PDB file of N, CA and C in Angstrom:
ATOM      1  N   MET A   1     144.457 184.825 256.141  1.00  0.00           N
ATOM      2  CA  MET A   1     143.849 184.759 254.826  1.00  0.00           C
ATOM      3  C   MET A   1     144.892 184.205 253.852  1.00  0.00           C
ATOM      4  N   PRO A   2     144.539 183.142 253.141  1.00  0.00           N
ATOM      5  CA  PRO A   2     145.513 182.533 252.226  1.00  0.00           C
ATOM      6  C   PRO A   2     145.714 183.407 250.991  1.00  0.00           C
ATOM      7  N   PRO A   3     146.905 183.371 250.404  1.00  0.00           N
ATOM      8  CA  PRO A   3     147.158 184.172 249.203  1.00  0.00           C
ATOM      9  C   PRO A   3     146.319 183.669 248.023  1.00  0.00           C
ATOM     10  N   LEU A   4     145.989 184.584 247.141  1.00  0.00           N
ATOM     11  CA  LEU A   4     145.181 184.262 245.968  1.00  0.00           C
ATOM     12  C   LEU A   4     146.054 183.517 244.968  1.00  0.00           C
ATOM     13  N   GLU A   5     145.606 182.340 244.599  1.00  0.00           N
ATOM     14  CA  GLU A   5     146.367 181.546 243.634  1.00  0.00           C
ATOM     15  C   GLU A   5     145.810 181.779 242.234  1.00  0.00           C
ATOM     16  N   ILE A   6     146.703 182.160 241.344  1.00  0.00           N
ATOM     17  CA  ILE A   6     146.311 182.343 239.950  1.00  0.00           C
ATOM     18  C   ILE A   6     146.987 181.249 239.147  1.00  0.00           C
ATOM     19  N   THR A   7     146.168 180.435 238.523  1.00  0.00           N
ATOM     20  CA  THR A   7     146.709 179.319 237.754  1.00  0.00           C
ATOM     21  C   THR A   7     146.952 179.735 236.314  1.00  0.00           C
ATOM     22  N   THR A   8     147.683 178.925 235.599  1.00  0.00           N
ATOM     23  CA  THR A   8     147.987 179.218 234.202  1.00  0.00           C
ATOM     24  C   THR A   8     146.722 179.323 233.353  1.00  0.00           C
ATOM     25  N   PRO A   9     145.755 178.416 233.484  1.00  0.00           N
ATOM     26  CA  PRO A   9     144.524 178.592 232.698  1.00  0.00           C
ATOM     27  C   PRO A   9     143.777 179.875 233.056  1.00  0.00           C
ATOM     28  N   GLY A  10     143.850 180.291 234.294  1.00  0.00           N
ATOM     29  CA  GLY A  10     143.206 181.534 234.711  1.00  0.00           C
ATOM     30  C   GLY A  10     143.865 182.744 234.073  1.00  0.00           C
ATOM     31  N   ILE A  11     145.187 182.738 233.995  1.00  0.00           N
ATOM     32  CA  ILE A  11     145.909 183.835 233.359  1.00  0.00           C
ATOM     33  C   ILE A  11     145.592 183.886 231.871  1.00  0.00           C
ATOM     34  N   ILE A  12     145.538 182.733 231.241  1.00  0.00           N
ATOM     35  CA  ILE A  12     145.225 182.672 229.804  1.00  0.00           C
ATOM     36  C   ILE A  12     143.812 183.196 229.554  1.00  0.00           C
ATOM     37  N   ALA A  13     142.859 182.818 230.371  1.00  0.00           N
ATOM     38  CA  ALA A  13     141.477 183.283 230.204  1.00  0.00           C
ATOM     39  C   ALA A  13     141.382 184.785 230.419  1.00  0.00           C
ATOM     40  N   LEU A  14     142.067 185.296 231.434  1.00  0.00           N
ATOM     41  CA  LEU A  14     142.049 186.731 231.701  1.00  0.00           C
ATOM     42  C   LEU A  14     142.681 187.509 230.547  1.00  0.00           C
ATOM     43  N   THR A  15     143.768 187.013 230.012  1.00  0.00           N
ATOM     44  CA  THR A  15     144.418 187.648 228.875  1.00  0.00           C
ATOM     45  C   THR A  15     143.501 187.653 227.654  1.00  0.00           C
ATOM     46  N   ALA A  16     142.802 186.563 227.425  1.00  0.00           N
ATOM     47  CA  ALA A  16     141.885 186.477 226.285  1.00  0.00           C
ATOM     48  C   ALA A  16     140.738 187.481 226.430  1.00  0.00           C
ATOM     49  N   VAL A  17     140.209 187.624 227.624  1.00  0.00           N
ATOM     50  CA  VAL A  17     139.104 188.561 227.850  1.00  0.00           C
ATOM     51  C   VAL A  17     139.576 189.999 227.642  1.00  0.00           C
ATOM     52  N   ILE A  18     140.731 190.339 228.170  1.00  0.00           N
ATOM     53  CA  ILE A  18     141.253 191.704 228.012  1.00  0.00           C
ATOM     54  C   ILE A  18     141.555 191.990 226.549  1.00  0.00           C
ATOM     55  N   THR A  19     142.131 191.035 225.834  1.00  0.00           N
ATOM     56  CA  THR A  19     142.430 191.206 224.410  1.00  0.00           C
ATOM     57  C   THR A  19     141.151 191.392 223.603  1.00  0.00           C
ATOM     58  N   ALA A  20     140.134 190.587 223.876  1.00  0.00           N
ATOM     59  CA  ALA A  20     138.862 190.703 223.158  1.00  0.00           C
ATOM     60  C   ALA A  20     138.210 192.061 223.411  1.00  0.00           C
ATOM     61  N   ALA A  21     138.280 192.547 224.647  1.00  0.00           N
ATOM     62  CA  ALA A  21     137.709 193.862 224.963  1.00  0.00           C
ATOM     63  C   ALA A  21     138.460 194.978 224.236  1.00  0.00           C
ATOM     64  N   ALA A  22     139.774 194.877 224.161  1.00  0.00           N
ATOM     65  CA  ALA A  22     140.561 195.891 223.459  1.00  0.00           C
ATOM     66  C   ALA A  22     140.240 195.890 221.968  1.00  0.00           C
ATOM     67  N   ILE A  23     140.131 194.727 221.371  1.00  0.00           N
ATOM     68  CA  ILE A  23     139.791 194.630 219.942  1.00  0.00           C
ATOM     69  C   ILE A  23     138.407 195.206 219.701  1.00  0.00           C
ATOM     70  N   TRP A  24     137.462 194.912 220.571  1.00  0.00           N
ATOM     71  CA  TRP A  24     136.102 195.434 220.418  1.00  0.00           C
ATOM     72  C   TRP A  24     136.097 196.962 220.479  1.00  0.00           C
ATOM     73  N   LEU A  25     136.849 197.535 221.418  1.00  0.00           N
ATOM     74  CA  LEU A  25     136.914 198.990 221.528  1.00  0.00           C
ATOM     75  C   LEU A  25     137.533 199.622 220.282  1.00  0.00           C
ATOM     76  N   ILE A  26     138.543 198.997 219.718  1.00  0.00           N
ATOM     77  CA  ILE A  26     139.164 199.517 218.499  1.00  0.00           C
ATOM     78  C   ILE A  26     138.172 199.491 217.344  1.00  0.00           C
ATOM     79  N   ILE A  27     137.419 198.415 217.214  1.00  0.00           N
ATOM     80  CA  ILE A  27     136.429 198.302 216.131  1.00  0.00           C
ATOM     81  C   ILE A  27     135.339 199.362 216.293  1.00  0.00           C
ATOM     82  N   VAL A  28     134.855 199.551 217.502  1.00  0.00           N
ATOM     83  CA  VAL A  28     133.815 200.556 217.744  1.00  0.00           C
ATOM     84  C   VAL A  28     134.339 201.950 217.423  1.00  0.00           C
ATOM     85  N   ALA A  29     135.556 202.256 217.834  1.00  0.00           N
ATOM     86  CA  ALA A  29     136.133 203.575 217.554  1.00  0.00           C
ATOM     87  C   ALA A  29     136.296 203.794 216.057  1.00  0.00           C
ATOM     88  N   ALA A  30     136.718 202.771 215.334  1.00  0.00           N
ATOM     89  CA  ALA A  30     136.887 202.900 213.882  1.00  0.00           C
ATOM     90  C   ALA A  30     135.548 203.128 213.195  1.00  0.00           C
ATOM     91  N   ARG A  31     134.517 202.459 213.633  1.00  0.00           N
ATOM     92  CA  ARG A  31     133.192 202.647 213.031  1.00  0.00           C
ATOM     93  C   ARG A  31     132.632 204.033 213.313  1.00  0.00           C
ATOM     94  N   LEU A  32     132.872 204.550 214.497  1.00  0.00           N
ATOM     95  CA  LEU A  32     132.369 205.881 214.836  1.00  0.00           C
ATOM     96  C   LEU A  32     133.053 206.957 214.015  1.00  0.00           C
ATOM     97  N   THR A  33     134.323 206.787 213.687  1.00  0.00           N
ATOM     98  CA  THR A  33     135.008 207.793 212.891  1.00  0.00           C
ATOM     99  C   THR A  33     134.571 207.762 211.441  1.00  0.00           C
ATOM    100  N   GLN A  34     134.045 206.639 210.974  1.00  0.00           N
ATOM    101  CA  GLN A  34     133.603 206.544 209.586  1.00  0.00           C
ATOM    102  C   GLN A  34     132.202 207.085 209.388  1.00  0.00           C
ATOM    103  N   ARG A  35     131.421 207.204 210.451  1.00  0.00           N
ATOM    104  CA  ARG A  35     130.053 207.695 210.356  1.00  0.00           C
ATOM    105  C   ARG A  35     129.877 208.940 211.207  1.00  0.00           C
ATOM    106  N   PRO A  36     130.109 210.115 210.633  1.00  0.00           N
ATOM    107  CA  PRO A  36     129.888 211.325 211.425  1.00  0.00           C
ATOM    108  C   PRO A  36     128.430 211.432 211.861  1.00  0.00           C
ATOM    109  N   ARG A  37     128.211 211.955 213.031  1.00  0.00           N
ATOM    110  CA  ARG A  37     126.851 212.028 213.573  1.00  0.00           C
ATOM    111  C   ARG A  37     126.004 213.102 212.916  1.00  0.00           C
ATOM    112  N   ASN A  38     126.595 214.209 212.574  1.00  0.00           N
ATOM    113  CA  ASN A  38     125.801 215.322 212.049  1.00  0.00           C
ATOM    114  C   ASN A  38     126.161 215.579 210.590  1.00  0.00           C
ATOM    115  N   ARG A  39     125.542 214.875 209.723  1.00  0.00           N
ATOM    116  CA  ARG A  39     125.764 215.090 208.299  1.00  0.00           C
ATOM    117  C   ARG A  39     124.848 216.202 207.826  1.00  0.00           C
ATOM    118  N   PRO A  40     125.431 217.269 207.347  1.00  0.00           N
ATOM    119  CA  PRO A  40     124.596 218.367 206.874  1.00  0.00           C
ATOM    120  C   PRO A  40     123.907 218.011 205.566  1.00  0.00           C
ATOM    121  N   ASN A  41     122.686 218.454 205.421  1.00  0.00           N
ATOM    122  CA  ASN A  41     121.932 218.248 204.189  1.00  0.00           C
ATOM    123  C   ASN A  41     121.815 219.579 203.469  1.00  0.00           C
ATOM    124  N   PRO A  42     122.648 219.807 202.473  1.00  0.00           N
ATOM    125  CA  PRO A  42     122.561 221.086 201.761  1.00  0.00           C
ATOM    126  C   PRO A  42     121.267 221.181 200.962  1.00  0.00           C
ATOM    127  N   SER A  43     120.689 222.357 200.951  1.00  0.00           N
ATOM    128  CA  SER A  43     119.446 222.568 200.213  1.00  0.00           C
ATOM    129  C   SER A  43     119.737 222.663 198.714  1.00  0.00           C
ATOM    130  N   ILE A  44     118.691 222.532 197.929  1.00  0.00           N
ATOM    131  CA  ILE A  44     118.817 222.629 196.474  1.00  0.00           C
ATOM    132  C   ILE A  44     119.306 224.020 196.081  1.00  0.00           C
ATOM    133  N   ASP A  45     118.824 225.052 196.782  1.00  0.00           N
ATOM    134  CA  ASP A  45     119.260 226.424 196.495  1.00  0.00           C
ATOM    135  C   ASP A  45     120.760 226.579 196.725  1.00  0.00           C
ATOM    136  N   LEU A  46     121.244 225.995 197.815  1.00  0.00           N
ATOM    137  CA  LEU A  46     122.667 226.081 198.111  1.00  0.00           C
ATOM    138  C   LEU A  46     123.488 225.375 197.036  1.00  0.00           C
ATOM    139  N   VAL A  47     123.011 224.227 196.597  1.00  0.00           N
ATOM    140  CA  VAL A  47     123.708 223.488 195.537  1.00  0.00           C
ATOM    141  C   VAL A  47     123.749 224.321 194.260  1.00  0.00           C
ATOM    142  N   ASP A  48     122.637 224.934 193.926  1.00  0.00           N
ATOM    143  CA  ASP A  48     122.598 225.770 192.718  1.00  0.00           C
ATOM    144  C   ASP A  48     123.534 226.969 192.834  1.00  0.00           C
ATOM    145  N   GLN A  49     123.537 227.611 193.990  1.00  0.00           N
ATOM    146  CA  GLN A  49     124.418 228.766 194.190  1.00  0.00           C
ATOM    147  C   GLN A  49     125.891 228.362 194.114  1.00  0.00           C
ATOM    148  N   ALA A  50     126.230 227.259 194.768  1.00  0.00           N
ATOM    149  CA  ALA A  50     127.618 226.799 194.747  1.00  0.00           C
ATOM    150  C   ALA A  50     128.038 226.381 193.341  1.00  0.00           C
ATOM    151  N   ARG A  51     127.122 225.726 192.629  1.00  0.00           N
ATOM    152  CA  ARG A  51     127.417 225.314 191.254  1.00  0.00           C
ATOM    153  C   ARG A  51     127.646 226.532 190.354  1.00  0.00           C
ATOM    154  N   GLU A  52     126.847 227.578 190.566  1.00  0.00           N
ATOM    155  CA  GLU A  52     127.005 228.798 189.775  1.00  0.00           C
ATOM    156  C   GLU A  52     128.340 229.482 190.077  1.00  0.00           C
ATOM    157  N   LEU A  53     128.710 229.566 191.361  1.00  0.00           N
ATOM    158  CA  LEU A  53     129.994 230.159 191.726  1.00  0.00           C
ATOM    159  C   LEU A  53     131.154 229.357 191.139  1.00  0.00           C
ATOM    160  N   LYS A  54     131.035 228.038 191.163  1.00  0.00           N
ATOM    161  CA  LYS A  54     132.084 227.199 190.600  1.00  0.00           C
ATOM    162  C   LYS A  54     132.210 227.432 189.095  1.00  0.00           C
ATOM    163  N   ALA A  55     131.073 227.555 188.413  1.00  0.00           N
ATOM    164  CA  ALA A  55     131.092 227.793 186.961  1.00  0.00           C
ATOM    165  C   ALA A  55     131.741 229.125 186.626  1.00  0.00           C
ATOM    166  N   LEU A  56     131.628 230.095 187.544  1.00  0.00           N
ATOM    167  CA  LEU A  56     132.245 231.400 187.332  1.00  0.00           C
ATOM    168  C   LEU A  56     133.718 231.417 187.737  1.00  0.00           C
ATOM    169  N   GLY A  57     134.219 230.281 188.207  1.00  0.00           N
ATOM    170  CA  GLY A  57     135.615 230.191 188.611  1.00  0.00           C
ATOM    171  C   GLY A  57     135.873 230.651 190.029  1.00  0.00           C
ATOM    172  N   GLN A  58     134.827 230.866 190.797  1.00  0.00           N
ATOM    173  CA  GLN A  58     134.958 231.342 192.171  1.00  0.00           C
ATOM    174  C   GLN A  58     134.809 230.167 193.139  1.00  0.00           C
ATOM    175  N   ILE A  59     135.772 229.264 193.065  1.00  0.00           N
ATOM    176  CA  ILE A  59     135.688 228.024 193.841  1.00  0.00           C
ATOM    177  C   ILE A  59     135.814 228.303 195.340  1.00  0.00           C
ATOM    178  N   GLN A  60     136.735 229.175 195.719  1.00  0.00           N
ATOM    179  CA  GLN A  60     136.892 229.479 197.148  1.00  0.00           C
ATOM    180  C   GLN A  60     135.635 230.113 197.733  1.00  0.00           C
ATOM    181  N   GLU A  61     134.985 230.948 196.959  1.00  0.00           N
ATOM    182  CA  GLU A  61     133.740 231.561 197.431  1.00  0.00           C
ATOM    183  C   GLU A  61     132.646 230.500 197.588  1.00  0.00           C
ATOM    184  N   ALA A  62     132.616 229.543 196.667  1.00  0.00           N
ATOM    185  CA  ALA A  62     131.634 228.455 196.761  1.00  0.00           C
ATOM    186  C   ALA A  62     131.886 227.613 198.008  1.00  0.00           C
ATOM    187  N   VAL A  63     133.150 227.323 198.277  1.00  0.00           N
ATOM    188  CA  VAL A  63     133.501 226.551 199.476  1.00  0.00           C
ATOM    189  C   VAL A  63     133.105 227.332 200.725  1.00  0.00           C
ATOM    190  N   PHE A  64     133.400 228.634 200.739  1.00  0.00           N
ATOM    191  CA  PHE A  64     133.041 229.484 201.874  1.00  0.00           C
ATOM    192  C   PHE A  64     131.528 229.499 202.095  1.00  0.00           C
ATOM    193  N   LEU A  65     130.769 229.584 201.009  1.00  0.00           N
ATOM    194  CA  LEU A  65     129.310 229.576 201.098  1.00  0.00           C
ATOM    195  C   LEU A  65     128.809 228.260 201.696  1.00  0.00           C
ATOM    196  N   VAL A  66     129.326 227.158 201.192  1.00  0.00           N
ATOM    197  CA  VAL A  66     128.897 225.836 201.679  1.00  0.00           C
ATOM    198  C   VAL A  66     129.252 225.679 203.159  1.00  0.00           C
ATOM    199  N   ARG A  67     130.443 226.107 203.531  1.00  0.00           N
ATOM    200  CA  ARG A  67     130.840 226.022 204.943  1.00  0.00           C
ATOM    201  C   ARG A  67     129.924 226.845 205.835  1.00  0.00           C
ATOM    202  N   GLY A  68     129.606 228.050 205.386  1.00  0.00           N
ATOM    203  CA  GLY A  68     128.763 228.920 206.193  1.00  0.00           C
ATOM    204  C   GLY A  68     127.347 228.406 206.361  1.00  0.00           C
ATOM    205  N   GLU A  69     126.825 227.779 205.336  1.00  0.00           N
ATOM    206  CA  GLU A  69     125.433 227.309 205.381  1.00  0.00           C
ATOM    207  C   GLU A  69     125.278 225.956 206.069  1.00  0.00           C
ATOM    208  N   THR A  70     126.296 225.105 205.980  1.00  0.00           N
ATOM    209  CA  THR A  70     126.152 223.735 206.492  1.00  0.00           C
ATOM    210  C   THR A  70     126.980 223.440 207.722  1.00  0.00           C
ATOM    211  N   GLY A  71     128.051 224.220 207.950  1.00  0.00           N
ATOM    212  CA  GLY A  71     128.939 223.921 209.067  1.00  0.00           C
ATOM    213  C   GLY A  71     129.955 222.844 208.741  1.00  0.00           C
ATOM    214  N   MET A  72     130.095 222.514 207.467  1.00  0.00           N
ATOM    215  CA  MET A  72     131.084 221.519 207.052  1.00  0.00           C
ATOM    216  C   MET A  72     132.488 222.036 207.320  1.00  0.00           C
ATOM    217  N   SER A  73     133.426 221.107 207.409  1.00  0.00           N
ATOM    218  CA  SER A  73     134.829 221.501 207.524  1.00  0.00           C
ATOM    219  C   SER A  73     135.318 222.010 206.172  1.00  0.00           C
ATOM    220  N   GLN A  74     136.495 222.612 206.182  1.00  0.00           N
ATOM    221  CA  GLN A  74     137.074 223.144 204.943  1.00  0.00           C
ATOM    222  C   GLN A  74     137.246 222.033 203.903  1.00  0.00           C
ATOM    223  N   SER A  75     137.803 220.908 204.325  1.00  0.00           N
ATOM    224  CA  SER A  75     138.054 219.825 203.364  1.00  0.00           C
ATOM    225  C   SER A  75     136.752 219.196 202.866  1.00  0.00           C
ATOM    226  N   ALA A  76     135.765 219.041 203.744  1.00  0.00           N
ATOM    227  CA  ALA A  76     134.492 218.454 203.329  1.00  0.00           C
ATOM    228  C   ALA A  76     133.765 219.379 202.351  1.00  0.00           C
ATOM    229  N   ALA A  77     133.786 220.672 202.626  1.00  0.00           N
ATOM    230  CA  ALA A  77     133.137 221.623 201.726  1.00  0.00           C
ATOM    231  C   ALA A  77     133.854 221.679 200.381  1.00  0.00           C
ATOM    232  N   ALA A  78     135.178 221.604 200.398  1.00  0.00           N
ATOM    233  CA  ALA A  78     135.941 221.612 199.137  1.00  0.00           C
ATOM    234  C   ALA A  78     135.623 220.360 198.310  1.00  0.00           C
ATOM    235  N   ARG A  79     135.523 219.214 198.970  1.00  0.00           N
ATOM    236  CA  ARG A  79     135.140 217.983 198.249  1.00  0.00           C
ATOM    237  C   ARG A  79     133.742 218.114 197.669  1.00  0.00           C
ATOM    238  N   PHE A  80     132.834 218.691 198.440  1.00  0.00           N
ATOM    239  CA  PHE A  80     131.464 218.872 197.985  1.00  0.00           C
ATOM    240  C   PHE A  80     131.432 219.753 196.734  1.00  0.00           C
ATOM    241  N   VAL A  81     132.127 220.876 196.770  1.00  0.00           N
ATOM    242  CA  VAL A  81     132.137 221.796 195.625  1.00  0.00           C
ATOM    243  C   VAL A  81     132.817 221.142 194.422  1.00  0.00           C
ATOM    244  N   ASN A  82     133.889 220.426 194.649  1.00  0.00           N
ATOM    245  CA  ASN A  82     134.587 219.774 193.536  1.00  0.00           C
ATOM    246  C   ASN A  82     133.730 218.721 192.846  1.00  0.00           C
ATOM    247  N   ARG A  83     132.816 218.124 193.581  1.00  0.00           N
ATOM    248  CA  ARG A  83     131.949 217.081 192.992  1.00  0.00           C
ATOM    249  C   ARG A  83     130.745 217.651 192.241  1.00  0.00           C
ATOM    250  N   LEU A  84     130.523 218.949 192.353  1.00  0.00           N
ATOM    251  CA  LEU A  84     129.391 219.554 191.653  1.00  0.00           C
ATOM    252  C   LEU A  84     129.633 219.599 190.166  1.00  0.00           C
TER     253      LEU A  84
END
């Protein structure tokens, strides 16, 4: 069986295909991190309760409430309460 000959154009084409696949995977991964799959939809009652707690100066309690009701992370719930 003769040895497999790899020519310079073949190496260049293979390198281009591997590079394109790597770039595509990086782009897909970046897009997935920007769009979380499970975005919680807080109810109007929850928004009102959190807004009331914030007005009373109980920001940590408002964050805790939002986290418990929606499953948001600590930072996401804190951003949510701060924007109220």
